[in-house]
């Protein structure tokens, strides 16, 4: 197979277009190409009057590959990706705690190896969880065990399902292949910024669970890890709670993929003396614009073209006070969601479905914070910092009614008295406020500076009618559970594998899934 890089393709392309483009690059007749497929596709938006895709194509040819490669400038020989599933050597069943991306893919690889893992998930299956989340958004009645943070699929289930990642690990292809094999759109294999969308991701995680069970694994919902036992310095059992009853599961491999919001679990692990440390993360608010305005700013006259879909953006600013401010988790054609998981505390996130066709587009506008800001030197001080902000947001809204503010008012440091062209999408509703009274001054100042600077880069970003909704506190885990870089096991307890975003070793669906696979491989190999 020949891989051809940097091929310019028009927005309105078909298979014949790809065939002719491959033939031109390889300097052969189209009939010499047996098959052609997309390996990578990204939008070139530099010339908004004549936008196109930049593609990498995979071609099977009838001619001699060596001869063609000598003539073609941008072509190399390539082989299809294959993941070799390791084989389980026997022993106690591994226990995987958490069924978000890290736990899900760890359990999937363990099941495919023959290990028959036991998955422990404090939340509910995705269908029951969806009903609980919809009820919360409608009524404001929160289920602290079944919400946007907890349940099958993890926090990523109620997001955009974004799969773009900075990791170069080849296992990311395994992640994408498995998503497609379990119902995700095939285009995630070649889009430079792939996404599944909340609506399709729910089906996908359900089918992954079904494969794990079909291979002898177990998935125990509404079951929470409350402790673990160890003999000398190695784990020997997981202690879990289900329906008010405590159970003991014998195991010598306990994988902790608990997610970034399992605060009671962090406290339990800290109380047991498991080495961990506070780590930097970011806080701020969601910023929401009309989708059509963002599309026009990014795509010009090509905005609305069906091949482009809703436009995204990604920006960062180094502010005068020395902090980094940036946009994160951008959800084109999506909505801001109430992502609360604790009584008396409110936080937000963003979500979109596969079509990305909602009225607004939103992103987190975040400012970096570090242990120096947390007001202590304990490993959980970042978590307590998050809680204080969420408690304040809850009080500002008089319950689970998110604080919202027009950008113009935020920049002028005054409470909003009305809304403009942008209607907040959060449910159950929002309450007009002054977010500067909610956020620390150094965060507010950095956000205001960033909005103005980003408005110079992206037309309309600083539109006064854009809406800020607070607070966003769960950008990443506030802790890192220390592990060996070689064995991926806790530095204090053998057989205990801190894993994924919650443990401080990933930052998104794909990187968390890759970390889950790596930990599963270590368990299988016994190292």
Protein backbone atom coordinates (compact mmCIF):
# COMPACT_ATOMS: atom_id res chain seq x y z
CA UNK A 1 0.00 0.00 0.00
CA UNK A 2 1.21 3.51 -0.84
CA UNK A 3 0.44 6.48 1.38
CA UNK A 4 0.27 9.85 -0.41
CA UNK A 5 0.61 13.00 1.68
CA UNK A 6 -0.49 16.62 1.20
CA UNK A 7 -3.09 16.08 -1.49
CA UNK A 8 -5.38 19.05 -2.15
CA UNK A 9 -9.01 17.95 -2.56
CA UNK A 10 -12.05 20.19 -3.26
CA UNK A 11 -14.88 20.34 -0.73
CA UNK A 12 -17.26 18.70 -3.21
CA UNK A 13 -15.32 15.52 -3.81
CA UNK A 14 -16.34 11.94 -4.50
CA UNK A 15 -14.53 8.64 -4.94
CA UNK A 16 -13.64 9.50 -8.53
CA UNK A 17 -12.02 12.72 -7.32
CA UNK A 18 -9.83 10.78 -4.89
CA UNK A 19 -8.93 8.24 -7.57
CA UNK A 20 -7.82 10.90 -10.04
CA UNK A 21 -5.87 12.77 -7.36
CA UNK A 22 -4.00 9.62 -6.35
CA UNK A 23 -3.23 8.78 -9.96
CA UNK A 24 -1.91 12.29 -10.58
CA UNK A 25 0.39 12.18 -7.57
CA UNK A 26 1.70 8.73 -8.54
CA UNK A 27 1.94 9.67 -12.24
CA UNK A 28 -0.15 6.75 -13.45
CA UNK A 29 -3.48 6.29 -15.17
CA UNK A 30 -6.50 6.03 -12.84
CA UNK A 31 -7.06 2.44 -13.98
CA UNK A 32 -3.74 1.52 -12.35
CA UNK A 33 -5.24 2.34 -8.92
CA UNK A 34 -7.05 -0.69 -7.50
CA UNK A 35 -8.48 1.19 -4.53
CA UNK A 36 -8.08 4.49 -2.75
CA UNK A 37 -9.22 5.60 0.69
CA UNK A 38 -8.81 8.53 3.06
CA UNK A 39 -6.23 8.13 5.80
CA UNK A 40 -6.33 11.75 6.97
CA UNK A 41 -8.45 14.79 6.14
CA UNK A 42 -8.19 18.34 7.45
CA UNK A 43 -9.68 21.66 6.39
CA UNK A 44 -7.41 24.30 4.86
CA UNK A 45 -9.22 27.51 5.82
CA UNK A 46 -6.46 29.97 4.93
CA UNK A 47 -8.21 31.12 1.74
CA UNK A 48 -11.85 31.49 2.74
CA UNK A 49 -12.94 32.23 -0.84
CA UNK A 50 -11.66 28.87 -2.11
CA UNK A 51 -11.41 26.46 0.78
CA UNK A 52 -10.39 22.84 0.31
CA UNK A 53 -9.26 19.76 2.19
CA UNK A 54 -5.66 18.64 2.66
CA UNK A 55 -5.70 14.86 2.59
CA UNK A 56 -3.51 11.82 3.04
CA UNK A 57 -4.60 9.01 0.74
CA UNK A 58 -3.94 5.27 0.91
CA UNK A 59 -3.77 3.61 -2.50
CA UNK A 60 -3.49 0.01 -3.63
CA UNK A 61 -1.87 -0.12 -7.04
CA UNK A 62 -1.55 -2.66 -9.81
CA UNK A 63 1.87 -1.37 -10.86
CA UNK A 64 5.23 -1.96 -9.20
CA UNK A 65 5.23 0.01 -5.94
CA UNK A 66 8.98 0.57 -5.88
CA UNK A 67 8.94 2.16 -9.32
CA UNK A 68 6.06 4.47 -8.37
CA UNK A 69 7.68 5.52 -5.11
CA UNK A 70 10.79 6.66 -6.99
CA UNK A 71 8.69 9.05 -9.09
CA UNK A 72 6.26 10.36 -6.47
CA UNK A 73 7.40 13.21 -4.22
CA UNK A 74 4.90 12.86 -1.38
CA UNK A 75 4.42 9.09 -1.23
CA UNK A 76 5.73 6.40 1.10
CA UNK A 77 5.08 2.71 1.60
CA UNK A 78 2.66 2.01 4.45
CA UNK A 79 1.09 -0.99 6.13
CA UNK A 80 -2.35 -1.20 7.76
CA UNK A 81 -2.32 -0.79 11.54
CA UNK A 82 -2.73 -4.00 13.51
CA UNK A 83 -2.96 -4.33 17.27
CA UNK A 84 -1.67 -7.66 18.54
CA UNK A 85 -3.82 -8.63 21.50
CA UNK A 86 -1.69 -10.16 24.27
CA UNK A 87 -2.87 -13.46 25.75
CA UNK A 88 -3.85 -13.83 29.40
CA UNK A 89 -1.61 -16.22 31.31
CA UNK A 90 -4.13 -16.99 34.01
CA UNK A 91 -4.58 -15.93 37.62
CA UNK A 92 -7.09 -13.93 39.64
CA UNK A 93 -9.56 -11.85 37.66
CA UNK A 94 -8.42 -8.21 37.33
CA UNK A 95 -10.75 -5.59 38.81
CA UNK A 96 -11.26 -2.36 36.87
CA UNK A 97 -12.74 0.56 38.84
CA UNK A 98 -14.57 3.05 36.63
CA UNK A 99 -16.14 2.62 33.20
CA UNK A 100 -15.08 5.82 31.49
CA UNK A 101 -12.65 5.73 28.52
CA UNK A 102 -9.67 4.46 30.53
CA UNK A 103 -11.58 1.76 32.38
CA UNK A 104 -13.62 0.79 29.34
CA UNK A 105 -10.64 0.21 27.06
CA UNK A 106 -8.62 -1.46 29.80
CA UNK A 107 -11.52 -3.85 30.39
CA UNK A 108 -11.99 -4.41 26.64
CA UNK A 109 -8.35 -5.38 26.07
CA UNK A 110 -8.36 -7.53 29.20
CA UNK A 111 -11.50 -9.29 27.96
CA UNK A 112 -10.04 -9.75 24.48
CA UNK A 113 -6.95 -11.31 26.07
CA UNK A 114 -9.09 -13.83 27.98
CA UNK A 115 -8.69 -12.27 31.45
CA UNK A 116 -12.45 -11.98 32.18
CA UNK A 117 -12.19 -8.66 34.08
CA UNK A 118 -14.64 -7.46 36.72
CA UNK A 119 -15.66 -3.83 36.16
CA UNK A 120 -16.92 -1.78 39.12
CA UNK A 121 -18.86 1.39 38.18
CA UNK A 122 -20.55 3.56 40.80
CA UNK A 123 -23.02 4.98 38.27
CA UNK A 124 -25.70 3.37 36.12
CA UNK A 125 -25.80 1.93 32.61
CA UNK A 126 -25.93 4.54 29.87
CA UNK A 127 -29.69 4.33 29.27
CA UNK A 128 -30.66 4.69 32.95
CA UNK A 129 -28.02 7.37 33.35
CA UNK A 130 -29.39 9.35 30.41
CA UNK A 131 -32.86 9.34 32.00
CA UNK A 132 -31.39 10.60 35.29
CA UNK A 133 -29.44 13.38 33.56
CA UNK A 134 -32.46 14.49 31.52
CA UNK A 135 -34.53 14.58 34.72
CA UNK A 136 -31.89 16.72 36.44
CA UNK A 137 -31.76 19.19 33.56
CA UNK A 138 -35.56 19.39 33.57
CA UNK A 139 -36.25 19.59 37.30
CA UNK A 140 -32.95 20.44 39.02
CA UNK A 141 -33.16 17.25 41.13
CA UNK A 142 -29.65 15.78 41.22
CA UNK A 143 -28.77 12.09 41.58
CA UNK A 144 -25.26 12.14 43.05
CA UNK A 145 -24.49 8.64 41.75
CA UNK A 146 -25.92 9.01 38.24
CA UNK A 147 -25.15 12.26 36.44
CA UNK A 148 -22.90 13.89 33.84
CA UNK A 149 -19.80 12.75 35.75
CA UNK A 150 -20.72 9.23 36.90
CA UNK A 151 -22.01 6.27 34.93
CA UNK A 152 -21.30 4.16 31.88
CA UNK A 153 -18.95 5.94 29.49
CA UNK A 154 -17.69 8.43 32.08
CA UNK A 155 -17.84 12.20 31.76
CA UNK A 156 -17.02 11.92 28.05
CA UNK A 157 -20.44 10.42 27.31
CA UNK A 158 -22.03 13.82 27.91
CA UNK A 159 -19.57 15.86 25.89
CA UNK A 160 -18.81 16.32 22.23
CA UNK A 161 -17.13 12.94 21.98
CA UNK A 162 -14.00 14.68 20.69
CA UNK A 163 -11.24 12.25 19.77
CA UNK A 164 -8.46 14.62 18.72
CA UNK A 165 -5.40 14.13 20.86
CA UNK A 166 -1.81 15.20 21.21
CA UNK A 167 -0.59 11.70 21.99
CA UNK A 168 1.62 10.04 19.38
CA UNK A 169 1.08 6.57 20.83
CA UNK A 170 0.15 4.12 18.08
CA UNK A 171 -2.53 2.63 20.36
CA UNK A 172 -4.74 5.59 19.50
CA UNK A 173 -5.57 3.76 16.26
CA UNK A 174 -6.74 0.78 18.30
CA UNK A 175 -9.09 3.15 20.14
CA UNK A 176 -10.54 4.57 16.93
CA UNK A 177 -10.85 1.13 15.32
CA UNK A 178 -12.77 -0.19 18.31
CA UNK A 179 -15.10 2.80 18.35
CA UNK A 180 -15.93 2.22 14.69
CA UNK A 181 -16.32 -1.54 15.20
CA UNK A 182 -18.86 -0.76 17.93
CA UNK A 183 -20.98 1.68 15.96
CA UNK A 184 -19.15 5.01 15.70
CA UNK A 185 -19.05 6.81 12.32
CA UNK A 186 -16.21 5.61 10.08
CA UNK A 187 -15.11 9.18 9.41
CA UNK A 188 -13.43 9.34 12.83
CA UNK A 189 -10.67 7.21 11.29
CA UNK A 190 -9.56 9.96 8.92
CA UNK A 191 -10.84 13.33 10.17
CA UNK A 192 -8.08 15.46 11.68
CA UNK A 193 -10.54 16.57 14.38
CA UNK A 194 -12.72 13.49 14.86
CA UNK A 195 -15.79 13.47 17.06
CA UNK A 196 -18.59 11.00 17.74
CA UNK A 197 -21.17 13.17 19.46
CA UNK A 198 -23.09 12.34 22.60
CA UNK A 199 -25.96 10.70 20.72
CA UNK A 200 -23.77 8.16 18.90
CA UNK A 201 -21.31 7.69 21.76
CA UNK A 202 -24.06 6.24 23.95
CA UNK A 203 -24.65 3.41 21.48
CA UNK A 204 -20.94 2.79 21.14
CA UNK A 205 -20.19 2.43 24.86
CA UNK A 206 -23.16 0.11 25.27
CA UNK A 207 -21.84 -2.20 22.55
CA UNK A 208 -18.32 -2.19 24.03
CA UNK A 209 -19.84 -3.28 27.34
CA UNK A 210 -21.70 -6.08 25.56
CA UNK A 211 -18.46 -7.39 24.02
CA UNK A 212 -16.70 -7.38 27.41
CA UNK A 213 -19.55 -9.44 28.88
CA UNK A 214 -19.67 -11.77 25.89
CA UNK A 215 -15.99 -12.57 26.49
CA UNK A 216 -16.56 -13.54 30.12
CA UNK A 217 -16.17 -10.19 31.83
CA UNK A 218 -18.58 -8.65 34.33
CA UNK A 219 -19.79 -5.05 34.57
CA UNK A 220 -21.24 -4.18 37.98
CA UNK A 221 -23.19 -0.91 37.94
CA UNK A 222 -24.19 1.07 41.04
CA UNK A 223 -21.18 -0.49 42.77
CA UNK A 224 -18.62 1.80 44.43
CA UNK A 225 -15.07 1.08 45.52
CA UNK A 226 -14.81 1.87 49.23
CA UNK A 227 -11.37 0.43 49.94
CA UNK A 228 -8.83 -2.25 49.17
CA UNK A 229 -6.80 -4.80 51.10
CA UNK A 230 -3.16 -5.64 50.72
CA UNK A 231 -0.74 -8.29 51.90
CA UNK A 232 2.57 -6.68 52.71
CA UNK A 233 2.93 -4.29 49.76
CA UNK A 234 0.64 -5.93 47.18
CA UNK A 235 -3.10 -5.52 46.69
CA UNK A 236 -5.12 -8.67 47.43
CA UNK A 237 -8.76 -7.54 47.32
CA UNK A 238 -11.11 -4.72 46.35
CA UNK A 239 -13.78 -3.66 48.84
CA UNK A 240 -16.97 -2.46 47.17
CA UNK A 241 -20.43 -1.37 48.21
CA UNK A 242 -23.63 -2.30 46.35
CA UNK A 243 -27.17 -1.62 47.58
CA UNK A 244 -25.82 -0.78 51.03
CA UNK A 245 -23.93 -4.08 51.33
CA UNK A 246 -20.17 -4.40 51.50
CA UNK A 247 -18.51 -7.06 49.34
CA UNK A 248 -14.93 -8.27 48.98
CA UNK A 249 -13.53 -9.18 45.55
CA UNK A 250 -10.24 -11.06 45.62
CA UNK A 251 -7.73 -9.83 43.05
CA UNK A 252 -4.05 -9.12 42.68
CA UNK A 253 -4.61 -6.50 39.96
CA UNK A 254 -6.72 -3.43 40.75
CA UNK A 255 -6.92 -0.77 38.05
CA UNK A 256 -8.10 2.66 39.27
CA UNK A 257 -9.77 4.52 36.39
CA UNK A 258 -12.01 6.54 38.70
CA UNK A 259 -12.28 9.76 36.68
CA UNK A 260 -11.54 13.34 37.70
CA UNK A 261 -14.68 13.79 39.84
CA UNK A 262 -14.48 10.80 42.21
CA UNK A 263 -13.70 13.04 45.15
CA UNK A 264 -14.75 10.64 47.88
CA UNK A 265 -12.51 8.01 46.30
CA UNK A 266 -9.58 10.44 46.33
CA UNK A 267 -10.23 11.06 50.02
CA UNK A 268 -10.38 7.32 50.75
CA UNK A 269 -7.11 6.67 48.91
CA UNK A 270 -5.43 9.61 50.64
CA UNK A 271 -6.60 8.40 54.06
CA UNK A 272 -5.12 4.97 53.28
CA UNK A 273 -1.77 6.66 52.68
CA UNK A 274 -1.58 6.09 48.93
CA UNK A 275 1.04 8.53 47.60
CA UNK A 276 -0.53 11.35 45.58
CA UNK A 277 0.05 15.02 44.93
CA UNK A 278 -1.89 18.14 43.99
CA UNK A 279 -1.44 19.12 40.35
CA UNK A 280 -2.18 22.19 38.24
CA UNK A 281 -5.45 22.45 36.32
CA UNK A 282 -7.65 25.28 35.02
CA UNK A 283 -10.88 27.04 35.94
CA UNK A 284 -13.17 29.58 34.33
CA UNK A 285 -16.50 29.55 32.51
CA UNK A 286 -18.13 28.45 29.25
CA UNK A 287 -18.38 31.10 26.52
CA UNK A 288 -21.26 30.79 24.10
CA UNK A 289 -21.82 32.39 20.67
CA UNK A 290 -24.29 31.95 17.84
CA UNK A 291 -23.05 29.01 15.76
CA UNK A 292 -23.63 30.80 12.44
CA UNK A 293 -21.43 33.71 13.54
CA UNK A 294 -18.53 31.40 14.47
CA UNK A 295 -18.99 29.54 11.18
CA UNK A 296 -18.77 32.78 9.18
CA UNK A 297 -15.74 33.95 11.15
CA UNK A 298 -13.89 30.72 10.40
CA UNK A 299 -15.18 29.78 6.94
CA UNK A 300 -16.26 33.05 5.33
CA UNK A 301 -18.45 32.50 2.26
CA UNK A 302 -17.97 28.73 2.58
CA UNK A 303 -19.83 28.70 5.91
CA UNK A 304 -22.74 26.31 5.79
CA UNK A 305 -21.14 23.97 3.27
CA UNK A 306 -22.28 20.44 4.23
CA UNK A 307 -18.74 19.07 3.93
CA UNK A 308 -17.47 21.50 6.56
CA UNK A 309 -20.12 21.29 9.25
CA UNK A 310 -19.97 23.60 12.26
CA UNK A 311 -16.69 25.45 12.75
CA UNK A 312 -14.37 24.99 15.70
CA UNK A 313 -11.60 27.13 17.16
CA UNK A 314 -8.71 26.77 19.58
CA UNK A 315 -6.89 29.78 21.03
CA UNK A 316 -4.57 30.64 23.88
CA UNK A 317 -3.16 33.82 25.43
CA UNK A 318 -0.32 34.47 27.85
CA UNK A 319 -1.80 37.14 30.12
CA UNK A 320 -0.09 40.06 31.86
CA UNK A 321 -0.31 38.40 35.28
CA UNK A 322 1.76 35.49 33.96
CA UNK A 323 -1.05 32.98 33.61
CA UNK A 324 -2.16 31.01 30.60
CA UNK A 325 -5.72 31.53 29.35
CA UNK A 326 -7.12 29.33 26.62
CA UNK A 327 -10.21 27.82 25.03
CA UNK A 328 -10.83 24.16 25.73
CA UNK A 329 -13.34 21.44 24.85
CA UNK A 330 -14.91 23.51 22.08
CA UNK A 331 -18.39 22.23 21.15
CA UNK A 332 -19.51 23.49 17.73
CA UNK A 333 -23.28 23.55 17.39
CA UNK A 334 -23.70 22.29 20.94
CA UNK A 335 -24.93 23.41 24.32
CA UNK A 336 -23.64 24.20 27.78
CA UNK A 337 -24.66 21.55 30.30
CA UNK A 338 -25.04 21.46 34.06
CA UNK A 339 -22.39 18.91 35.03
CA UNK A 340 -22.89 18.98 38.81
CA UNK A 341 -22.28 15.79 40.76
CA UNK A 342 -22.39 16.88 44.43
CA UNK A 343 -25.14 18.35 46.55
CA UNK A 344 -24.82 22.10 46.99
CA UNK A 345 -22.15 22.47 44.30
CA UNK A 346 -22.57 23.56 40.69
CA UNK A 347 -20.26 23.17 37.69
CA UNK A 348 -20.65 23.26 33.91
CA UNK A 349 -19.38 21.53 30.80
CA UNK A 350 -20.09 21.51 27.06
CA UNK A 351 -21.84 18.93 24.90
CA UNK A 352 -22.86 18.44 21.28
CA UNK A 353 -24.40 15.69 19.21
CA UNK A 354 -22.93 14.24 16.04
CA UNK A 355 -24.76 16.66 13.74
CA UNK A 356 -23.49 19.70 15.65
CA UNK A 357 -26.51 21.66 14.48
CA UNK A 358 -27.68 23.44 17.66
CA UNK A 359 -28.16 27.22 17.63
CA UNK A 360 -25.07 28.05 19.68
CA UNK A 361 -21.42 27.00 19.78
CA UNK A 362 -19.53 27.04 23.06
CA UNK A 363 -16.14 26.40 24.62
CA UNK A 364 -14.54 26.54 28.02
CA UNK A 365 -12.59 29.75 28.59
CA UNK A 366 -10.06 28.72 31.21
CA UNK A 367 -7.23 30.13 33.25
CA UNK A 368 -4.44 28.00 34.69
CA UNK A 369 -4.20 27.56 38.45
CA UNK A 370 -1.49 25.80 40.42
CA UNK A 371 -0.94 24.45 43.95
CA UNK A 372 0.27 27.92 44.95
CA UNK A 373 -3.35 29.13 44.50
CA UNK A 374 -5.01 26.38 46.54
CA UNK A 375 -4.36 27.72 50.05
CA UNK A 376 -2.57 24.70 51.45
CA UNK A 377 0.07 22.09 50.74
CA UNK A 378 -1.96 18.87 50.96
CA UNK A 379 -2.53 16.50 48.01
CA UNK A 380 -6.28 17.24 47.94
CA UNK A 381 -6.12 21.03 48.20
CA UNK A 382 -6.86 21.46 44.50
CA UNK A 383 -10.01 19.40 44.95
CA UNK A 384 -11.10 21.59 47.87
CA UNK A 385 -10.37 24.67 45.73
CA UNK A 386 -12.76 23.31 43.09
CA UNK A 387 -15.40 22.66 45.72
CA UNK A 388 -15.23 26.20 47.07
CA UNK A 389 -15.84 27.66 43.62
CA UNK A 390 -18.71 25.24 42.94
CA UNK A 391 -20.34 26.02 46.30
CA UNK A 392 -20.14 29.73 45.52
CA UNK A 393 -21.69 29.14 42.07
CA UNK A 394 -24.52 27.17 43.69
CA UNK A 395 -25.22 30.05 46.09
CA UNK A 396 -25.08 32.62 43.29
CA UNK A 397 -27.78 30.75 41.37
CA UNK A 398 -29.87 29.89 44.40
CA UNK A 399 -29.51 26.19 43.60
CA UNK A 400 -28.68 24.40 40.36
CA UNK A 401 -29.38 27.51 38.27
CA UNK A 402 -26.13 28.45 36.58
CA UNK A 403 -24.75 31.99 36.88
CA UNK A 404 -24.71 33.66 33.43
CA UNK A 405 -23.46 37.02 32.16
CA UNK A 406 -23.17 38.89 28.87
CA UNK A 407 -19.58 39.34 27.74
CA UNK A 408 -20.03 43.12 27.50
CA UNK A 409 -21.04 43.24 31.15
CA UNK A 410 -18.22 40.95 32.21
CA UNK A 411 -15.68 43.22 30.50
CA UNK A 412 -17.24 46.24 32.25
CA UNK A 413 -17.40 44.44 35.61
CA UNK A 414 -21.14 44.90 36.10
CA UNK A 415 -24.02 42.55 36.72
CA UNK A 416 -26.04 41.67 33.63
CA UNK A 417 -29.59 42.98 33.63
CA UNK A 418 -30.62 41.50 30.30
CA UNK A 419 -29.61 39.08 27.58
CA UNK A 420 -28.91 39.94 23.96
CA UNK A 421 -28.79 37.92 20.76
CA UNK A 422 -27.38 34.80 22.46
CA UNK A 423 -29.72 32.77 24.66
CA UNK A 424 -27.93 30.56 27.21
CA UNK A 425 -28.47 26.90 26.41
CA UNK A 426 -27.93 25.49 29.90
CA UNK A 427 -30.73 23.66 31.70
CA UNK A 428 -32.66 23.91 33.88
CA UNK A 429 -31.89 27.63 33.46
CA UNK A 430 -29.47 30.45 34.17
CA UNK A 431 -29.45 33.39 36.57
CA UNK A 432 -28.04 36.79 35.56
CA UNK A 433 -25.08 37.82 37.69
CA UNK A 434 -21.60 39.30 37.71
CA UNK A 435 -19.16 36.41 37.35
CA UNK A 436 -16.32 38.60 38.57
CA UNK A 437 -17.86 38.40 42.04
CA UNK A 438 -17.77 34.61 41.80
CA UNK A 439 -14.34 33.94 40.31
CA UNK A 440 -10.98 34.89 41.86
CA UNK A 441 -9.70 38.25 40.63
CA UNK A 442 -6.68 36.70 38.90
CA UNK A 443 -9.00 34.39 36.94
CA UNK A 444 -11.46 37.15 35.99
CA UNK A 445 -8.69 39.53 34.93
CA UNK A 446 -7.06 36.86 32.78
CA UNK A 447 -10.38 35.92 31.18
CA UNK A 448 -11.20 39.54 30.32
CA UNK A 449 -7.77 40.08 28.80
CA UNK A 450 -8.08 36.83 26.84
CA UNK A 451 -11.55 37.69 25.46
CA UNK A 452 -10.26 40.96 24.03
CA UNK A 453 -7.11 39.36 22.60
CA UNK A 454 -9.01 36.43 21.12
CA UNK A 455 -11.52 38.84 19.57
CA UNK A 456 -8.66 40.23 17.50
CA UNK A 457 -7.90 36.73 16.20
CA UNK A 458 -11.43 35.45 15.69
CA UNK A 459 -13.98 38.02 14.56
CA UNK A 460 -16.91 38.23 16.95
CA UNK A 461 -15.36 36.26 19.79
CA UNK A 462 -15.57 39.39 21.95
CA UNK A 463 -19.14 40.15 20.84
CA UNK A 464 -20.88 41.84 23.76
CA UNK A 465 -23.95 39.59 23.41
CA UNK A 466 -21.91 36.41 23.80
CA UNK A 467 -22.72 34.67 27.08
CA UNK A 468 -20.49 33.38 29.86
CA UNK A 469 -21.85 30.57 32.06
CA UNK A 470 -20.07 29.55 35.25
CA UNK A 471 -18.32 27.80 36.65
CA UNK A 472 -16.06 25.42 34.77
CA UNK A 473 -13.85 23.62 37.29
CA UNK A 474 -13.45 20.05 36.03
CA UNK A 475 -11.04 20.67 33.15
CA UNK A 476 -8.77 17.92 34.48
CA UNK A 477 -8.04 16.03 37.66
CA UNK A 478 -6.82 18.09 40.64
CA UNK A 479 -4.61 15.20 41.82
CA UNK A 480 -2.01 12.80 40.51
CA UNK A 481 -1.82 9.34 42.08
CA UNK A 482 1.88 8.52 41.91
CA UNK A 483 2.90 5.50 39.88
CA UNK A 484 6.06 3.99 38.43
CA UNK A 485 6.80 5.13 34.89
CA UNK A 486 8.01 1.63 34.07
CA UNK A 487 5.42 -0.68 35.65
CA UNK A 488 2.51 1.83 35.79
CA UNK A 489 1.79 0.55 39.30
CA UNK A 490 1.45 2.64 42.44
CA UNK A 491 4.83 3.52 43.92
CA UNK A 492 3.60 2.10 47.24
CA UNK A 493 1.27 -0.82 46.42
CA UNK A 494 2.10 -3.47 43.82
CA UNK A 495 -0.80 -4.59 41.65
CA UNK A 496 -2.58 -1.24 41.99
CA UNK A 497 -2.65 0.67 38.67
CA UNK A 498 -3.64 4.40 38.82
CA UNK A 499 -4.97 5.05 35.34
CA UNK A 500 -6.41 7.66 33.03
CA UNK A 501 -7.49 11.24 33.53
CA UNK A 502 -8.64 10.89 37.12
CA UNK A 503 -5.26 9.58 38.22
CA UNK A 504 -3.54 12.47 36.45
CA UNK A 505 -2.15 10.62 33.41
CA UNK A 506 -4.41 11.66 30.54
CA UNK A 507 -6.38 14.61 29.20
CA UNK A 508 -9.26 13.49 27.02
CA UNK A 509 -11.10 10.46 25.69
CA UNK A 510 -8.34 9.07 23.46
CA UNK A 511 -5.39 9.67 25.77
CA UNK A 512 -7.36 8.16 28.68
CA UNK A 513 -8.30 5.14 26.57
CA UNK A 514 -4.68 4.69 25.48
CA UNK A 515 -3.55 4.81 29.11
CA UNK A 516 -6.17 2.18 29.95
CA UNK A 517 -4.81 -0.08 27.22
CA UNK A 518 -1.24 0.37 28.45
CA UNK A 519 -2.22 -0.52 32.01
CA UNK A 520 -4.15 -3.56 30.76
CA UNK A 521 -1.06 -4.75 28.89
CA UNK A 522 0.99 -4.48 32.09
CA UNK A 523 -1.58 -6.51 34.00
CA UNK A 524 -1.62 -9.19 31.31
CA UNK A 525 2.17 -9.41 31.21
CA UNK A 526 2.34 -9.52 35.01
CA UNK A 527 4.78 -6.61 35.22
